[in-house]
């Protein structure tokens, strides 16, 4: 399950872990905040004491999107002017 909320300067997507009974422990929700110039991914650690945060530039996010569908190797995305 997930939710999408549009705020003043960001869109916030929350991925909610759902699982059936006796299948596995639930993971903390993943919160994704998208801004004009960056994307922030956050998740509370399993102990519930700290938030792990990763900030992607839009270029890094584009590289990640491509990397998910490419075979092993080294790649460089040439910027278009």
PDB file of N, CA and C in Angstrom:
ATOM      1  N   UNK A   1       0.839  -1.170   0.000  1.00  0.00           N
ATOM      2  CA  UNK A   1       0.000   0.000   0.000  1.00  0.00           C
ATOM      3  C   UNK A   1       0.886   1.236   0.000  1.00  0.00           C
ATOM      4  N   UNK A   2       0.399   2.311  -0.579  1.00  0.00           N
ATOM      5  CA  UNK A   2       1.147   3.560  -0.547  1.00  0.00           C
ATOM      6  C   UNK A   2       0.177   4.731  -0.549  1.00  0.00           C
ATOM      7  N   UNK A   3       0.697   5.878  -0.098  1.00  0.00           N
ATOM      8  CA  UNK A   3      -0.079   7.107  -0.131  1.00  0.00           C
ATOM      9  C   UNK A   3       0.699   8.157  -0.906  1.00  0.00           C
ATOM     10  N   UNK A   4      -0.006   9.117  -1.499  1.00  0.00           N
ATOM     11  CA  UNK A   4       0.604  10.242  -2.200  1.00  0.00           C
ATOM     12  C   UNK A   4      -0.046  11.509  -1.669  1.00  0.00           C
ATOM     13  N   UNK A   5       0.787  12.455  -1.237  1.00  0.00           N
ATOM     14  CA  UNK A   5       0.285  13.734  -0.743  1.00  0.00           C
ATOM     15  C   UNK A   5       1.041  14.854  -1.448  1.00  0.00           C
ATOM     16  N   UNK A   6       0.323  15.856  -1.905  1.00  0.00           N
ATOM     17  CA  UNK A   6       0.941  17.012  -2.536  1.00  0.00           C
ATOM     18  C   UNK A   6       0.984  18.145  -1.526  1.00  0.00           C
ATOM     19  N   UNK A   7       2.189  18.566  -1.188  1.00  0.00           N
ATOM     20  CA  UNK A   7       2.376  19.677  -0.267  1.00  0.00           C
ATOM     21  C   UNK A   7       2.795  20.905  -1.065  1.00  0.00           C
ATOM     22  N   UNK A   8       3.035  22.013  -0.380  1.00  0.00           N
ATOM     23  CA  UNK A   8       3.364  23.262  -1.044  1.00  0.00           C
ATOM     24  C   UNK A   8       4.561  23.134  -1.980  1.00  0.00           C
ATOM     25  N   UNK A   9       5.665  22.559  -1.497  1.00  0.00           N
ATOM     26  CA  UNK A   9       6.886  22.509  -2.304  1.00  0.00           C
ATOM     27  C   UNK A   9       7.357  21.092  -2.617  1.00  0.00           C
ATOM     28  N   UNK A  10       6.565  20.082  -2.271  1.00  0.00           N
ATOM     29  CA  UNK A  10       7.008  18.711  -2.496  1.00  0.00           C
ATOM     30  C   UNK A  10       5.817  17.780  -2.662  1.00  0.00           C
ATOM     31  N   UNK A  11       6.084  16.650  -3.300  1.00  0.00           N
ATOM     32  CA  UNK A  11       5.144  15.539  -3.314  1.00  0.00           C
ATOM     33  C   UNK A  11       5.721  14.483  -2.394  1.00  0.00           C
ATOM     34  N   UNK A  12       4.897  13.944  -1.498  1.00  0.00           N
ATOM     35  CA  UNK A  12       5.366  12.967  -0.514  1.00  0.00           C
ATOM     36  C   UNK A  12       4.663  11.641  -0.782  1.00  0.00           C
ATOM     37  N   UNK A  13       5.470  10.608  -1.036  1.00  0.00           N
ATOM     38  CA  UNK A  13       4.956   9.257  -1.259  1.00  0.00           C
ATOM     39  C   UNK A  13       5.400   8.421  -0.060  1.00  0.00           C
ATOM     40  N   UNK A  14       4.469   7.711   0.547  1.00  0.00           N
ATOM     41  CA  UNK A  14       4.790   6.844   1.669  1.00  0.00           C
ATOM     42  C   UNK A  14       4.472   5.408   1.275  1.00  0.00           C
ATOM     43  N   UNK A  15       5.488   4.539   1.323  1.00  0.00           N
ATOM     44  CA  UNK A  15       5.312   3.120   1.031  1.00  0.00           C
ATOM     45  C   UNK A  15       5.092   2.404   2.355  1.00  0.00           C
ATOM     46  N   UNK A  16       3.955   1.767   2.507  1.00  0.00           N
ATOM     47  CA  UNK A  16       3.583   1.113   3.757  1.00  0.00           C
ATOM     48  C   UNK A  16       3.734  -0.389   3.571  1.00  0.00           C
ATOM     49  N   UNK A  17       4.546  -0.993   4.436  1.00  0.00           N
ATOM     50  CA  UNK A  17       4.799  -2.424   4.351  1.00  0.00           C
ATOM     51  C   UNK A  17       3.590  -3.181   4.877  1.00  0.00           C
ATOM     52  N   UNK A  18       3.032  -4.029   4.057  1.00  0.00           N
ATOM     53  CA  UNK A  18       1.917  -4.883   4.472  1.00  0.00           C
ATOM     54  C   UNK A  18       2.335  -6.328   4.265  1.00  0.00           C
ATOM     55  N   UNK A  19       1.977  -7.162   5.200  1.00  0.00           N
ATOM     56  CA  UNK A  19       2.323  -8.569   5.088  1.00  0.00           C
ATOM     57  C   UNK A  19       1.231  -9.400   5.747  1.00  0.00           C
ATOM     58  N   UNK A  20       1.124 -10.614   5.315  1.00  0.00           N
ATOM     59  CA  UNK A  20       0.145 -11.501   5.922  1.00  0.00           C
ATOM     60  C   UNK A  20       0.626 -12.001   7.273  1.00  0.00           C
ATOM     61  N   UNK A  21      -0.258 -12.570   8.068  1.00  0.00           N
ATOM     62  CA  UNK A  21       0.129 -13.078   9.379  1.00  0.00           C
ATOM     63  C   UNK A  21       1.183 -14.184   9.264  1.00  0.00           C
ATOM     64  N   UNK A  22       2.162 -14.157  10.150  1.00  0.00           N
ATOM     65  CA  UNK A  22       3.208 -15.188  10.255  1.00  0.00           C
ATOM     66  C   UNK A  22       4.075 -15.325   9.015  1.00  0.00           C
ATOM     67  N   UNK A  23       4.215 -14.255   8.205  1.00  0.00           N
ATOM     68  CA  UNK A  23       5.065 -14.356   7.019  1.00  0.00           C
ATOM     69  C   UNK A  23       6.439 -13.763   7.249  1.00  0.00           C
ATOM     70  N   UNK A  24       6.508 -12.600   7.851  1.00  0.00           N
ATOM     71  CA  UNK A  24       7.788 -11.953   8.152  1.00  0.00           C
ATOM     72  C   UNK A  24       7.511 -10.725   8.994  1.00  0.00           C
ATOM     73  N   UNK A  25       8.530 -10.191   9.653  1.00  0.00           N
ATOM     74  CA  UNK A  25       8.299  -8.952  10.412  1.00  0.00           C
ATOM     75  C   UNK A  25       8.031  -7.781   9.472  1.00  0.00           C
ATOM     76  N   UNK A  26       7.231  -6.849   9.930  1.00  0.00           N
ATOM     77  CA  UNK A  26       6.975  -5.644   9.147  1.00  0.00           C
ATOM     78  C   UNK A  26       8.189  -4.740   9.155  1.00  0.00           C
ATOM     79  N   UNK A  27       8.449  -4.093   8.039  1.00  0.00           N
ATOM     80  CA  UNK A  27       9.487  -3.067   7.955  1.00  0.00           C
ATOM     81  C   UNK A  27       8.850  -1.708   8.174  1.00  0.00           C
ATOM     82  N   UNK A  28       9.661  -0.751   8.566  1.00  0.00           N
ATOM     83  CA  UNK A  28       9.172   0.619   8.742  1.00  0.00           C
ATOM     84  C   UNK A  28       8.751   1.193   7.387  1.00  0.00           C
ATOM     85  N   UNK A  29       7.842   2.155   7.424  1.00  0.00           N
ATOM     86  CA  UNK A  29       7.405   2.829   6.206  1.00  0.00           C
ATOM     87  C   UNK A  29       8.590   3.532   5.541  1.00  0.00           C
ATOM     88  N   UNK A  30       8.561   3.611   4.220  1.00  0.00           N
ATOM     89  CA  UNK A  30       9.534   4.366   3.450  1.00  0.00           C
ATOM     90  C   UNK A  30       8.840   5.632   2.969  1.00  0.00           C
ATOM     91  N   UNK A  31       9.442   6.786   3.264  1.00  0.00           N
ATOM     92  CA  UNK A  31       8.869   8.070   2.861  1.00  0.00           C
ATOM     93  C   UNK A  31       9.766   8.673   1.782  1.00  0.00           C
ATOM     94  N   UNK A  32       9.167   9.024   0.648  1.00  0.00           N
ATOM     95  CA  UNK A  32       9.895   9.601  -0.479  1.00  0.00           C
ATOM     96  C   UNK A  32       9.351  11.002  -0.712  1.00  0.00           C
ATOM     97  N   UNK A  33      10.231  11.996  -0.609  1.00  0.00           N
ATOM     98  CA  UNK A  33       9.834  13.388  -0.829  1.00  0.00           C
ATOM     99  C   UNK A  33      10.485  13.870  -2.119  1.00  0.00           C
ATOM    100  N   UNK A  34       9.687  14.354  -3.057  1.00  0.00           N
ATOM    101  CA  UNK A  34      10.225  14.847  -4.322  1.00  0.00           C
ATOM    102  C   UNK A  34      10.091  16.356  -4.379  1.00  0.00           C
ATOM    103  N   UNK A  35      11.190  17.003  -4.691  1.00  0.00           N
ATOM    104  CA  UNK A  35      11.250  18.455  -4.846  1.00  0.00           C
ATOM    105  C   UNK A  35      11.659  18.768  -6.279  1.00  0.00           C
ATOM    106  N   UNK A  36      11.777  20.043  -6.609  1.00  0.00           N
ATOM    107  CA  UNK A  36      12.190  20.445  -7.960  1.00  0.00           C
ATOM    108  C   UNK A  36      13.615  20.015  -8.289  1.00  0.00           C
ATOM    109  N   UNK A  37      14.480  19.920  -7.274  1.00  0.00           N
ATOM    110  CA  UNK A  37      15.897  19.675  -7.535  1.00  0.00           C
ATOM    111  C   UNK A  37      16.469  18.449  -6.835  1.00  0.00           C
ATOM    112  N   UNK A  38      15.643  17.698  -6.084  1.00  0.00           N
ATOM    113  CA  UNK A  38      16.170  16.549  -5.353  1.00  0.00           C
ATOM    114  C   UNK A  38      15.027  15.627  -4.939  1.00  0.00           C
ATOM    115  N   UNK A  39      15.415  14.403  -4.558  1.00  0.00           N
ATOM    116  CA  UNK A  39      14.484  13.421  -4.018  1.00  0.00           C
ATOM    117  C   UNK A  39      15.090  12.898  -2.724  1.00  0.00           C
ATOM    118  N   UNK A  40      14.289  12.873  -1.664  1.00  0.00           N
ATOM    119  CA  UNK A  40      14.757  12.405  -0.366  1.00  0.00           C
ATOM    120  C   UNK A  40      14.003  11.127  -0.017  1.00  0.00           C
ATOM    121  N   UNK A  41      14.763  10.074   0.349  1.00  0.00           N
ATOM    122  CA  UNK A  41      14.185   8.797   0.768  1.00  0.00           C
ATOM    123  C   UNK A  41      14.530   8.597   2.229  1.00  0.00           C
ATOM    124  N   UNK A  42      13.516   8.345   3.065  1.00  0.00           N
ATOM    125  CA  UNK A  42      13.729   8.186   4.505  1.00  0.00           C
ATOM    126  C   UNK A  42      13.059   6.912   5.004  1.00  0.00           C
ATOM    127  N   UNK A  43      13.701   6.303   6.016  1.00  0.00           N
ATOM    128  CA  UNK A  43      13.104   5.160   6.692  1.00  0.00           C
ATOM    129  C   UNK A  43      13.652   5.106   8.112  1.00  0.00           C
ATOM    130  N   UNK A  44      12.782   4.867   9.070  1.00  0.00           N
ATOM    131  CA  UNK A  44      13.194   4.719  10.462  1.00  0.00           C
ATOM    132  C   UNK A  44      13.961   3.404  10.601  1.00  0.00           C
ATOM    133  N   UNK A  45      15.051   3.425  11.392  1.00  0.00           N
ATOM    134  CA  UNK A  45      15.798   2.187  11.586  1.00  0.00           C
ATOM    135  C   UNK A  45      14.948   1.194  12.384  1.00  0.00           C
ATOM    136  N   UNK A  46      15.313  -0.097  12.348  1.00  0.00           N
ATOM    137  CA  UNK A  46      14.488  -1.108  13.019  1.00  0.00           C
ATOM    138  C   UNK A  46      14.292  -0.863  14.516  1.00  0.00           C
ATOM    139  N   UNK A  47      15.239  -0.207  15.176  1.00  0.00           N
ATOM    140  CA  UNK A  47      15.105   0.088  16.600  1.00  0.00           C
ATOM    141  C   UNK A  47      14.190   1.272  16.863  1.00  0.00           C
ATOM    142  N   UNK A  48      13.873   2.036  15.834  1.00  0.00           N
ATOM    143  CA  UNK A  48      13.021   3.196  15.990  1.00  0.00           C
ATOM    144  C   UNK A  48      13.707   4.375  16.650  1.00  0.00           C
ATOM    145  N   UNK A  49      15.051   4.425  16.558  1.00  0.00           N
ATOM    146  CA  UNK A  49      15.791   5.492  17.217  1.00  0.00           C
ATOM    147  C   UNK A  49      16.327   6.547  16.265  1.00  0.00           C
ATOM    148  N   UNK A  50      16.512   6.209  14.995  1.00  0.00           N
ATOM    149  CA  UNK A  50      17.093   7.145  14.035  1.00  0.00           C
ATOM    150  C   UNK A  50      16.440   6.984  12.682  1.00  0.00           C
ATOM    151  N   UNK A  51      16.392   8.073  11.932  1.00  0.00           N
ATOM    152  CA  UNK A  51      15.888   8.040  10.565  1.00  0.00           C
ATOM    153  C   UNK A  51      17.083   7.962   9.621  1.00  0.00           C
ATOM    154  N   UNK A  52      17.069   6.966   8.739  1.00  0.00           N
ATOM    155  CA  UNK A  52      18.082   6.884   7.682  1.00  0.00           C
ATOM    156  C   UNK A  52      17.578   7.709   6.516  1.00  0.00           C
ATOM    157  N   UNK A  53      18.420   8.597   5.993  1.00  0.00           N
ATOM    158  CA  UNK A  53      18.013   9.511   4.925  1.00  0.00           C
ATOM    159  C   UNK A  53      19.024   9.448   3.791  1.00  0.00           C
ATOM    160  N   UNK A  54      18.518   9.342   2.571  1.00  0.00           N
ATOM    161  CA  UNK A  54      19.340   9.393   1.364  1.00  0.00           C
ATOM    162  C   UNK A  54      18.776  10.497   0.490  1.00  0.00           C
ATOM    163  N   UNK A  55      19.662  11.392   0.019  1.00  0.00           N
ATOM    164  CA  UNK A  55      19.246  12.495  -0.847  1.00  0.00           C
ATOM    165  C   UNK A  55      19.856  12.276  -2.227  1.00  0.00           C
ATOM    166  N   UNK A  56      19.005  12.221  -3.240  1.00  0.00           N
ATOM    167  CA  UNK A  56      19.428  12.054  -4.628  1.00  0.00           C
ATOM    168  C   UNK A  56      19.234  13.364  -5.372  1.00  0.00           C
ATOM    169  N   UNK A  57      20.223  13.757  -6.181  1.00  0.00           N
ATOM    170  CA  UNK A  57      19.974  14.813  -7.157  1.00  0.00           C
ATOM    171  C   UNK A  57      19.127  14.185  -8.263  1.00  0.00           C
ATOM    172  N   UNK A  58      18.537  15.013  -9.102  1.00  0.00           N
ATOM    173  CA  UNK A  58      17.728  14.461 -10.192  1.00  0.00           C
ATOM    174  C   UNK A  58      18.582  13.662 -11.167  1.00  0.00           C
ATOM    175  N   UNK A  59      19.841  14.068 -11.346  1.00  0.00           N
ATOM    176  CA  UNK A  59      20.750  13.317 -12.215  1.00  0.00           C
ATOM    177  C   UNK A  59      21.041  11.936 -11.629  1.00  0.00           C
ATOM    178  N   UNK A  60      21.300  11.879 -10.321  1.00  0.00           N
ATOM    179  CA  UNK A  60      21.543  10.594  -9.676  1.00  0.00           C
ATOM    180  C   UNK A  60      20.310   9.695  -9.779  1.00  0.00           C
ATOM    181  N   UNK A  61      19.142  10.272  -9.630  1.00  0.00           N
ATOM    182  CA  UNK A  61      17.912   9.493  -9.734  1.00  0.00           C
ATOM    183  C   UNK A  61      17.738   8.939 -11.152  1.00  0.00           C
ATOM    184  N   UNK A  62      18.078   9.737 -12.153  1.00  0.00           N
ATOM    185  CA  UNK A  62      18.005   9.263 -13.546  1.00  0.00           C
ATOM    186  C   UNK A  62      18.978   8.113 -13.762  1.00  0.00           C
ATOM    187  N   UNK A  63      20.186   8.217 -13.194  1.00  0.00           N
ATOM    188  CA  UNK A  63      21.150   7.127 -13.314  1.00  0.00           C
ATOM    189  C   UNK A  63      20.655   5.864 -12.611  1.00  0.00           C
ATOM    190  N   UNK A  64      20.068   6.020 -11.445  1.00  0.00           N
ATOM    191  CA  UNK A  64      19.528   4.867 -10.729  1.00  0.00           C
ATOM    192  C   UNK A  64      18.433   4.197 -11.535  1.00  0.00           C
ATOM    193  N   UNK A  65      17.540   4.994 -12.103  1.00  0.00           N
ATOM    194  CA  UNK A  65      16.447   4.448 -12.913  1.00  0.00           C
ATOM    195  C   UNK A  65      16.996   3.625 -14.076  1.00  0.00           C
ATOM    196  N   UNK A  66      18.025   4.137 -14.752  1.00  0.00           N
ATOM    197  CA  UNK A  66      18.636   3.390 -15.856  1.00  0.00           C
ATOM    198  C   UNK A  66      19.355   2.147 -15.358  1.00  0.00           C
ATOM    199  N   UNK A  67      20.048   2.261 -14.225  1.00  0.00           N
ATOM    200  CA  UNK A  67      20.844   1.153 -13.707  1.00  0.00           C
ATOM    201  C   UNK A  67      19.988  -0.059 -13.349  1.00  0.00           C
ATOM    202  N   UNK A  68      18.753   0.172 -12.981  1.00  0.00           N
ATOM    203  CA  UNK A  68      17.893  -0.946 -12.596  1.00  0.00           C
ATOM    204  C   UNK A  68      17.608  -1.889 -13.763  1.00  0.00           C
ATOM    205  N   UNK A  69      17.821  -1.421 -14.993  1.00  0.00           N
ATOM    206  CA  UNK A  69      17.505  -2.233 -16.175  1.00  0.00           C
ATOM    207  C   UNK A  69      18.713  -2.555 -17.041  1.00  0.00           C
ATOM    208  N   UNK A  70      19.922  -2.307 -16.534  1.00  0.00           N
ATOM    209  CA  UNK A  70      21.123  -2.562 -17.325  1.00  0.00           C
ATOM    210  C   UNK A  70      21.900  -3.749 -16.756  1.00  0.00           C
ATOM    211  N   UNK A  71      22.661  -4.444 -17.612  1.00  0.00           N
ATOM    212  CA  UNK A  71      23.501  -5.528 -17.108  1.00  0.00           C
ATOM    213  C   UNK A  71      24.720  -4.972 -16.376  1.00  0.00           C
ATOM    214  N   UNK A  72      25.454  -5.853 -15.735  1.00  0.00           N
ATOM    215  CA  UNK A  72      26.662  -5.469 -15.005  1.00  0.00           C
ATOM    216  C   UNK A  72      27.621  -4.726 -15.925  1.00  0.00           C
ATOM    217  N   UNK A  73      28.286  -3.704 -15.406  1.00  0.00           N
ATOM    218  CA  UNK A  73      29.246  -2.928 -16.197  1.00  0.00           C
ATOM    219  C   UNK A  73      29.377  -1.521 -15.680  1.00  0.00           C
ATOM    220  N   UNK A  74      30.209  -0.718 -16.365  1.00  0.00           N
ATOM    221  CA  UNK A  74      30.398   0.693 -16.048  1.00  0.00           C
ATOM    222  C   UNK A  74      29.706   1.539 -17.098  1.00  0.00           C
ATOM    223  N   UNK A  75      29.023   2.569 -16.661  1.00  0.00           N
ATOM    224  CA  UNK A  75      28.253   3.393 -17.588  1.00  0.00           C
ATOM    225  C   UNK A  75      28.408   4.861 -17.237  1.00  0.00           C
ATOM    226  N   UNK A  76      28.250   5.733 -18.216  1.00  0.00           N
ATOM    227  CA  UNK A  76      28.234   7.177 -18.000  1.00  0.00           C
ATOM    228  C   UNK A  76      27.116   7.766 -18.847  1.00  0.00           C
ATOM    229  N   UNK A  77      26.319   8.581 -18.229  1.00  0.00           N
ATOM    230  CA  UNK A  77      25.260   9.278 -18.967  1.00  0.00           C
ATOM    231  C   UNK A  77      25.809  10.613 -19.408  1.00  0.00           C
ATOM    232  N   UNK A  78      25.791  10.870 -20.696  1.00  0.00           N
ATOM    233  CA  UNK A  78      26.253  12.145 -21.204  1.00  0.00           C
ATOM    234  C   UNK A  78      25.144  13.161 -21.046  1.00  0.00           C
ATOM    235  N   UNK A  79      25.475  14.317 -20.471  1.00  0.00           N
ATOM    236  CA  UNK A  79      24.483  15.365 -20.287  1.00  0.00           C
ATOM    237  C   UNK A  79      24.187  16.039 -21.618  1.00  0.00           C
ATOM    238  N   UNK A  80      22.903  16.294 -21.842  1.00  0.00           N
ATOM    239  CA  UNK A  80      22.511  17.022 -23.049  1.00  0.00           C
ATOM    240  C   UNK A  80      22.506  18.503 -22.740  1.00  0.00           C
ATOM    241  N   UNK A  81      23.027  19.307 -23.663  1.00  0.00           N
ATOM    242  CA  UNK A  81      23.067  20.763 -23.453  1.00  0.00           C
ATOM    243  C   UNK A  81      21.855  21.439 -23.993  1.00  0.00           C
TER     244      UNK A  81
END
